[in-house]
Amino acid sequence: MTNYSIVASLTGMSVEFVLTSLIVALVPGTGVVYTISSAIGGGWRSGLFATVGCTLGIVPHIMAAMLGLSALMQAGSVVFEVVRWAGVAYLVYLGVSMILAGGSLEFDTDENSSSNRNPVGLVIRRGILLNLLNPKLTLFFFAFLPQFLGSAPSLLDPRLVGLGAAFMAVTFVVFLGYASASAAVRDLLLGSATLRKWFQRSLGALLVAFAARLALTER
């Protein structure tokens, strides 16, 4: 038995799981928009920190799945609604801030400068909050991960750790790719104030649109 077969048998991880995770991570969402805006606004390092934050924001959802909170989130409408509307409010806040040119996409001509307007901690915290306040991600884990387990998951099921870690790894690599691509076009945007302004406003409007979709979508 190969090492991959051993890991797959212990975690339920398969090629299908990895490919599905890749597709899910590639689909543009709030985390992708935030990572792109951070990389263009603050350079490669900001994009990296945004990637770290968005990836770490997955951890609470994995922990919730491990603790067996599926029934709570599915039956507890109050819990779901509180998290959902908190996420809506935070997305609107970030989006409007970007539209007004006072938020997460402040350009720094020197990405290695210690005076960067968005310090490391802030960039990471925003990324964590974006995914933490996304109830769809929790529900996604409840519906998605069990499909790749040979049996129903138990409380603190270690197989979920393996699958969750694999999903986080895939997310990190994909978001890092988005950050790299965004940093590559940074100079073009820095050279045009008009292009920079409308790009920032477009990303802000996209976050507000995501907030509206989250607000209007039923569980």
C-alpha atoms as a PDB file:
ATOM      1  CA  MET A   1       0.000   0.000   0.000  1.00  0.00           C
ATOM      2  CA  THR A   2       1.433   3.385  -0.989  1.00  0.00           C
ATOM      3  CA  ASN A   3       1.762   6.308   1.392  1.00  0.00           C
ATOM      4  CA  TYR A   4      -1.069   8.078  -0.438  1.00  0.00           C
ATOM      5  CA  SER A   5      -3.320   5.052  -0.020  1.00  0.00           C
ATOM      6  CA  ILE A   6      -2.619   4.971   3.699  1.00  0.00           C
ATOM      7  CA  VAL A   7      -3.418   8.686   4.071  1.00  0.00           C
ATOM      8  CA  ALA A   8      -6.537   8.310   1.944  1.00  0.00           C
ATOM      9  CA  SER A   9      -7.796   5.393   4.011  1.00  0.00           C
ATOM     10  CA  LEU A  10      -7.277   7.312   7.260  1.00  0.00           C
ATOM     11  CA  THR A  11      -8.764  10.651   6.186  1.00  0.00           C
ATOM     12  CA  GLY A  12     -11.136   9.806   3.370  1.00  0.00           C
ATOM     13  CA  MET A  13      -9.094  12.082   1.129  1.00  0.00           C
ATOM     14  CA  SER A  14      -9.134  11.208  -2.549  1.00  0.00           C
ATOM     15  CA  VAL A  15      -8.233  12.704  -5.882  1.00  0.00           C
ATOM     16  CA  GLU A  16     -11.894  13.648  -6.273  1.00  0.00           C
ATOM     17  CA  PHE A  17     -11.780  15.534  -2.968  1.00  0.00           C
ATOM     18  CA  VAL A  18      -8.651  17.455  -3.937  1.00  0.00           C
ATOM     19  CA  LEU A  19     -10.055  18.359  -7.357  1.00  0.00           C
ATOM     20  CA  THR A  20     -13.367  19.449  -5.861  1.00  0.00           C
ATOM     21  CA  SER A  21     -11.556  21.552  -3.271  1.00  0.00           C
ATOM     22  CA  LEU A  22      -9.506  23.120  -6.055  1.00  0.00           C
ATOM     23  CA  ILE A  23     -12.633  24.089  -7.977  1.00  0.00           C
ATOM     24  CA  VAL A  24     -14.275  25.530  -4.851  1.00  0.00           C
ATOM     25  CA  ALA A  25     -11.168  27.595  -4.033  1.00  0.00           C
ATOM     26  CA  LEU A  26     -10.835  28.855  -7.611  1.00  0.00           C
ATOM     27  CA  VAL A  27     -14.395  30.204  -7.770  1.00  0.00           C
ATOM     28  CA  PRO A  28     -14.146  33.946  -7.003  1.00  0.00           C
ATOM     29  CA  GLY A  29     -15.680  34.915  -3.693  1.00  0.00           C
ATOM     30  CA  THR A  30     -15.130  37.416  -0.913  1.00  0.00           C
ATOM     31  CA  GLY A  31     -11.765  35.913   0.049  1.00  0.00           C
ATOM     32  CA  VAL A  32     -10.501  36.087  -3.518  1.00  0.00           C
ATOM     33  CA  VAL A  33     -11.618  39.706  -3.902  1.00  0.00           C
ATOM     34  CA  TYR A  34      -9.953  40.646  -0.615  1.00  0.00           C
ATOM     35  CA  THR A  35      -6.712  38.871  -1.535  1.00  0.00           C
ATOM     36  CA  ILE A  36      -6.599  40.576  -4.939  1.00  0.00           C
ATOM     37  CA  SER A  37      -7.282  44.012  -3.473  1.00  0.00           C
ATOM     38  CA  SER A  38      -4.635  43.500  -0.779  1.00  0.00           C
ATOM     39  CA  ALA A  39      -1.981  42.380  -3.286  1.00  0.00           C
ATOM     40  CA  ILE A  40      -2.651  45.296  -5.614  1.00  0.00           C
ATOM     41  CA  GLY A  41      -2.988  47.802  -2.802  1.00  0.00           C
ATOM     42  CA  GLY A  42       0.044  46.737  -0.768  1.00  0.00           C
ATOM     43  CA  GLY A  43       2.098  44.467  -3.013  1.00  0.00           C
ATOM     44  CA  TRP A  44       3.067  40.818  -2.855  1.00  0.00           C
ATOM     45  CA  ARG A  45       3.572  40.782   0.928  1.00  0.00           C
ATOM     46  CA  SER A  46       0.084  42.149   1.615  1.00  0.00           C
ATOM     47  CA  GLY A  47      -1.347  39.558  -0.767  1.00  0.00           C
ATOM     48  CA  LEU A  48       0.523  36.846   1.138  1.00  0.00           C
ATOM     49  CA  PHE A  49      -0.784  38.065   4.492  1.00  0.00           C
ATOM     50  CA  ALA A  50      -4.329  38.258   3.117  1.00  0.00           C
ATOM     51  CA  THR A  51      -3.923  34.671   1.899  1.00  0.00           C
ATOM     52  CA  VAL A  52      -2.790  33.606   5.373  1.00  0.00           C
ATOM     53  CA  GLY A  53      -5.739  35.371   6.991  1.00  0.00           C
ATOM     54  CA  CYS A  54      -8.341  33.888   4.650  1.00  0.00           C
ATOM     55  CA  THR A  55      -6.849  30.425   5.123  1.00  0.00           C
ATOM     56  CA  LEU A  56      -6.828  30.728   8.924  1.00  0.00           C
ATOM     57  CA  GLY A  57     -10.451  31.854   8.747  1.00  0.00           C
ATOM     58  CA  ILE A  58     -11.338  28.315   7.671  1.00  0.00           C
ATOM     59  CA  VAL A  59     -10.160  26.821  10.985  1.00  0.00           C
ATOM     60  CA  PRO A  60     -13.244  27.796  13.071  1.00  0.00           C
ATOM     61  CA  HIS A  61     -15.515  26.179  10.489  1.00  0.00           C
ATOM     62  CA  ILE A  62     -13.519  22.945  10.616  1.00  0.00           C
ATOM     63  CA  MET A  63     -13.649  23.018  14.418  1.00  0.00           C
ATOM     64  CA  ALA A  64     -17.412  23.532  14.287  1.00  0.00           C
ATOM     65  CA  ALA A  65     -17.775  20.527  12.006  1.00  0.00           C
ATOM     66  CA  MET A  66     -15.561  18.439  14.310  1.00  0.00           C
ATOM     67  CA  LEU A  67     -17.598  19.404  17.360  1.00  0.00           C
ATOM     68  CA  GLY A  68     -20.735  18.210  15.643  1.00  0.00           C
ATOM     69  CA  LEU A  69     -22.425  21.582  15.359  1.00  0.00           C
ATOM     70  CA  SER A  70     -24.203  20.537  12.189  1.00  0.00           C
ATOM     71  CA  ALA A  71     -27.537  20.076  13.949  1.00  0.00           C
ATOM     72  CA  LEU A  72     -27.129  23.420  15.728  1.00  0.00           C
ATOM     73  CA  MET A  73     -26.427  25.364  12.541  1.00  0.00           C
ATOM     74  CA  GLN A  74     -29.104  23.600  10.550  1.00  0.00           C
ATOM     75  CA  ALA A  75     -31.815  23.725  13.207  1.00  0.00           C
ATOM     76  CA  GLY A  76     -30.752  26.823  15.078  1.00  0.00           C
ATOM     77  CA  SER A  77     -32.032  29.531  12.758  1.00  0.00           C
ATOM     78  CA  VAL A  78     -31.179  32.248  15.276  1.00  0.00           C
ATOM     79  CA  VAL A  79     -27.496  31.223  15.309  1.00  0.00           C
ATOM     80  CA  PHE A  80     -27.368  31.096  11.543  1.00  0.00           C
ATOM     81  CA  GLU A  81     -29.074  34.470  11.136  1.00  0.00           C
ATOM     82  CA  VAL A  82     -26.780  36.201  13.641  1.00  0.00           C
ATOM     83  CA  VAL A  83     -23.666  34.955  11.844  1.00  0.00           C
ATOM     84  CA  ARG A  84     -25.160  35.687   8.438  1.00  0.00           C
ATOM     85  CA  TRP A  85     -26.067  39.289   9.179  1.00  0.00           C
ATOM     86  CA  ALA A  86     -22.754  39.915  10.910  1.00  0.00           C
ATOM     87  CA  GLY A  87     -21.077  38.740   7.710  1.00  0.00           C
ATOM     88  CA  VAL A  88     -23.345  40.953   5.603  1.00  0.00           C
ATOM     89  CA  ALA A  89     -22.511  43.997   7.729  1.00  0.00           C
ATOM     90  CA  TYR A  90     -18.769  43.350   7.556  1.00  0.00           C
ATOM     91  CA  LEU A  91     -18.820  42.891   3.773  1.00  0.00           C
ATOM     92  CA  VAL A  92     -20.781  46.117   3.341  1.00  0.00           C
ATOM     93  CA  TYR A  93     -18.300  47.916   5.613  1.00  0.00           C
ATOM     94  CA  LEU A  94     -15.294  46.737   3.594  1.00  0.00           C
ATOM     95  CA  GLY A  95     -17.000  47.345   0.260  1.00  0.00           C
ATOM     96  CA  VAL A  96     -18.164  50.863   1.070  1.00  0.00           C
ATOM     97  CA  SER A  97     -14.741  51.682   2.529  1.00  0.00           C
ATOM     98  CA  MET A  98     -13.109  50.674  -0.747  1.00  0.00           C
ATOM     99  CA  ILE A  99     -15.637  52.608  -2.823  1.00  0.00           C
ATOM    100  CA  LEU A 100     -14.951  55.718  -0.747  1.00  0.00           C
ATOM    101  CA  ALA A 101     -11.193  55.103  -1.109  1.00  0.00           C
ATOM    102  CA  GLY A 102     -10.739  54.969   2.627  1.00  0.00           C
ATOM    103  CA  GLY A 103     -10.409  51.272   3.321  1.00  0.00           C
ATOM    104  CA  SER A 104      -8.636  48.100   2.371  1.00  0.00           C
ATOM    105  CA  LEU A 105      -7.173  49.160  -0.979  1.00  0.00           C
ATOM    106  CA  GLU A 106      -4.769  51.960  -0.086  1.00  0.00           C
ATOM    107  CA  PHE A 107      -1.839  51.946  -2.470  1.00  0.00           C
ATOM    108  CA  ASP A 108       1.712  52.043  -1.173  1.00  0.00           C
ATOM    109  CA  THR A 109       4.307  52.694  -3.859  1.00  0.00           C
ATOM    110  CA  ASP A 110       6.899  50.781  -1.830  1.00  0.00           C
ATOM    111  CA  GLU A 111       5.528  47.392  -0.854  1.00  0.00           C
ATOM    112  CA  ASN A 112       8.501  46.761   1.461  1.00  0.00           C
ATOM    113  CA  SER A 113       8.029  50.040   3.290  1.00  0.00           C
ATOM    114  CA  SER A 114       7.537  49.804   7.042  1.00  0.00           C
ATOM    115  CA  SER A 115       4.998  52.633   6.774  1.00  0.00           C
ATOM    116  CA  ASN A 116       2.492  50.532   4.838  1.00  0.00           C
ATOM    117  CA  ARG A 117      -0.987  51.828   5.750  1.00  0.00           C
ATOM    118  CA  ASN A 118      -2.301  48.309   6.302  1.00  0.00           C
ATOM    119  CA  PRO A 119      -0.031  46.561   8.838  1.00  0.00           C
ATOM    120  CA  VAL A 120       0.377  42.804   8.812  1.00  0.00           C
ATOM    121  CA  GLY A 121      -1.948  42.204  11.744  1.00  0.00           C
ATOM    122  CA  LEU A 122      -4.779  44.214  10.198  1.00  0.00           C
ATOM    123  CA  VAL A 123      -4.529  42.473   6.830  1.00  0.00           C
ATOM    124  CA  ILE A 124      -4.562  39.035   8.469  1.00  0.00           C
ATOM    125  CA  ARG A 125      -7.385  39.903  10.873  1.00  0.00           C
ATOM    126  CA  ARG A 126      -9.583  41.155   8.050  1.00  0.00           C
ATOM    127  CA  GLY A 127      -8.985  37.941   6.119  1.00  0.00           C
ATOM    128  CA  ILE A 128      -9.866  35.826   9.147  1.00  0.00           C
ATOM    129  CA  LEU A 129     -13.044  37.812   9.796  1.00  0.00           C
ATOM    130  CA  LEU A 130     -14.166  37.543   6.179  1.00  0.00           C
ATOM    131  CA  ASN A 131     -14.197  33.753   6.336  1.00  0.00           C
ATOM    132  CA  LEU A 132     -15.192  33.524   9.996  1.00  0.00           C
ATOM    133  CA  LEU A 133     -18.357  35.542   9.305  1.00  0.00           C
ATOM    134  CA  ASN A 134     -19.334  33.392   6.353  1.00  0.00           C
ATOM    135  CA  PRO A 135     -22.031  30.935   7.494  1.00  0.00           C
ATOM    136  CA  LYS A 136     -22.140  29.389   4.034  1.00  0.00           C
ATOM    137  CA  LEU A 137     -18.620  28.106   4.592  1.00  0.00           C
ATOM    138  CA  THR A 138     -19.686  26.266   7.741  1.00  0.00           C
ATOM    139  CA  LEU A 139     -22.702  24.763   6.016  1.00  0.00           C
ATOM    140  CA  PHE A 140     -20.448  23.866   3.093  1.00  0.00           C
ATOM    141  CA  PHE A 141     -18.230  21.836   5.405  1.00  0.00           C
ATOM    142  CA  PHE A 142     -21.200  20.044   6.914  1.00  0.00           C
ATOM    143  CA  ALA A 143     -22.546  19.092   3.491  1.00  0.00           C
ATOM    144  CA  PHE A 144     -19.252  18.621   1.654  1.00  0.00           C
ATOM    145  CA  LEU A 145     -16.770  16.800   3.877  1.00  0.00           C
ATOM    146  CA  PRO A 146     -19.024  13.909   5.010  1.00  0.00           C
ATOM    147  CA  GLN A 147     -19.462  12.858   1.372  1.00  0.00           C
ATOM    148  CA  PHE A 148     -15.802  11.813   1.303  1.00  0.00           C
ATOM    149  CA  LEU A 149     -15.913   9.756   4.510  1.00  0.00           C
ATOM    150  CA  GLY A 150     -16.606   6.065   4.469  1.00  0.00           C
ATOM    151  CA  SER A 151     -18.958   6.353   7.448  1.00  0.00           C
ATOM    152  CA  ALA A 152     -20.807   9.035   9.348  1.00  0.00           C
ATOM    153  CA  PRO A 153     -18.401  11.375  11.172  1.00  0.00           C
ATOM    154  CA  SER A 154     -18.209  11.153  14.937  1.00  0.00           C
ATOM    155  CA  LEU A 155     -17.579  13.885  17.480  1.00  0.00           C
ATOM    156  CA  LEU A 156     -14.016  15.220  17.035  1.00  0.00           C
ATOM    157  CA  ASP A 157     -13.528  12.851  14.106  1.00  0.00           C
ATOM    158  CA  PRO A 158      -9.794  12.961  13.183  1.00  0.00           C
ATOM    159  CA  ARG A 159     -10.663  12.306   9.541  1.00  0.00           C
ATOM    160  CA  LEU A 160     -12.163  15.765   9.382  1.00  0.00           C
ATOM    161  CA  VAL A 161      -8.805  17.194  10.452  1.00  0.00           C
ATOM    162  CA  GLY A 162      -7.107  15.595   7.465  1.00  0.00           C
ATOM    163  CA  LEU A 163      -9.773  16.722   5.010  1.00  0.00           C
ATOM    164  CA  GLY A 164      -9.898  20.196   6.521  1.00  0.00           C
ATOM    165  CA  ALA A 165      -6.116  20.538   6.401  1.00  0.00           C
ATOM    166  CA  ALA A 166      -6.109  19.450   2.758  1.00  0.00           C
ATOM    167  CA  PHE A 167      -8.813  21.999   1.915  1.00  0.00           C
ATOM    168  CA  MET A 168      -6.845  24.727   3.687  1.00  0.00           C
ATOM    169  CA  ALA A 169      -3.685  23.775   1.781  1.00  0.00           C
ATOM    170  CA  VAL A 170      -5.508  23.939  -1.537  1.00  0.00           C
ATOM    171  CA  THR A 171      -7.057  27.280  -0.587  1.00  0.00           C
ATOM    172  CA  PHE A 172      -3.674  28.693   0.409  1.00  0.00           C
ATOM    173  CA  VAL A 173      -2.043  27.685  -2.883  1.00  0.00           C
ATOM    174  CA  VAL A 174      -4.921  29.019  -4.998  1.00  0.00           C
ATOM    175  CA  PHE A 175      -5.131  32.327  -3.144  1.00  0.00           C
ATOM    176  CA  LEU A 176      -1.369  32.685  -3.357  1.00  0.00           C
ATOM    177  CA  GLY A 177      -1.732  32.345  -7.125  1.00  0.00           C
ATOM    178  CA  TYR A 178      -4.340  35.111  -7.141  1.00  0.00           C
ATOM    179  CA  ALA A 179      -2.022  37.280  -5.037  1.00  0.00           C
ATOM    180  CA  SER A 180       0.922  36.683  -7.376  1.00  0.00           C
ATOM    181  CA  ALA A 181      -1.123  37.521 -10.474  1.00  0.00           C
ATOM    182  CA  SER A 182      -2.489  40.660  -8.828  1.00  0.00           C
ATOM    183  CA  ALA A 183       0.937  41.831  -7.723  1.00  0.00           C
ATOM    184  CA  ALA A 184       2.126  41.378 -11.319  1.00  0.00           C
ATOM    185  CA  VAL A 185      -0.344  43.981 -12.609  1.00  0.00           C
ATOM    186  CA  ARG A 186       0.281  46.324  -9.684  1.00  0.00           C
ATOM    187  CA  ASP A 187       2.637  48.604 -11.618  1.00  0.00           C
ATOM    188  CA  LEU A 188       0.052  49.120 -14.347  1.00  0.00           C
ATOM    189  CA  LEU A 189      -2.548  50.274 -11.841  1.00  0.00           C
ATOM    190  CA  LEU A 190      -0.086  52.451  -9.940  1.00  0.00           C
ATOM    191  CA  GLY A 191       0.721  54.239 -13.185  1.00  0.00           C
ATOM    192  CA  SER A 192      -2.865  55.330 -13.749  1.00  0.00           C
ATOM    193  CA  ALA A 193      -4.781  57.155 -11.036  1.00  0.00           C
ATOM    194  CA  THR A 194      -8.039  56.825 -12.958  1.00  0.00           C
ATOM    195  CA  LEU A 195      -7.629  53.093 -13.523  1.00  0.00           C
ATOM    196  CA  ARG A 196      -6.670  52.627  -9.885  1.00  0.00           C
ATOM    197  CA  LYS A 197      -9.734  54.542  -8.698  1.00  0.00           C
ATOM    198  CA  TRP A 198     -12.205  52.594 -10.820  1.00  0.00           C
ATOM    199  CA  PHE A 199     -10.571  49.261 -10.068  1.00  0.00           C
ATOM    200  CA  GLN A 200     -10.877  49.951  -6.350  1.00  0.00           C
ATOM    201  CA  ARG A 201     -14.493  51.020  -6.714  1.00  0.00           C
ATOM    202  CA  SER A 202     -15.260  47.905  -8.778  1.00  0.00           C
ATOM    203  CA  LEU A 203     -13.837  45.616  -6.101  1.00  0.00           C
ATOM    204  CA  GLY A 204     -15.757  47.488  -3.410  1.00  0.00           C
ATOM    205  CA  ALA A 205     -18.984  47.169  -5.392  1.00  0.00           C
ATOM    206  CA  LEU A 206     -18.303  43.454  -5.824  1.00  0.00           C
ATOM    207  CA  LEU A 207     -18.002  42.996  -2.053  1.00  0.00           C
ATOM    208  CA  VAL A 208     -21.286  44.865  -1.558  1.00  0.00           C
ATOM    209  CA  ALA A 209     -22.865  42.583  -4.181  1.00  0.00           C
ATOM    210  CA  PHE A 210     -21.596  39.541  -2.271  1.00  0.00           C
ATOM    211  CA  ALA A 211     -23.167  41.026   0.877  1.00  0.00           C
ATOM    212  CA  ALA A 212     -26.496  41.444  -0.922  1.00  0.00           C
ATOM    213  CA  ARG A 213     -26.376  37.862  -2.180  1.00  0.00           C
ATOM    214  CA  LEU A 214     -25.635  36.576   1.317  1.00  0.00           C
ATOM    215  CA  ALA A 215     -28.490  38.650   2.729  1.00  0.00           C
ATOM    216  CA  LEU A 216     -31.003  37.418   0.178  1.00  0.00           C
ATOM    217  CA  THR A 217     -29.968  33.767   0.007  1.00  0.00           C
ATOM    218  CA  GLU A 218     -31.861  31.296   2.152  1.00  0.00           C
ATOM    219  CA  ARG A 219     -29.987  28.512   3.964  1.00  0.00           C
END
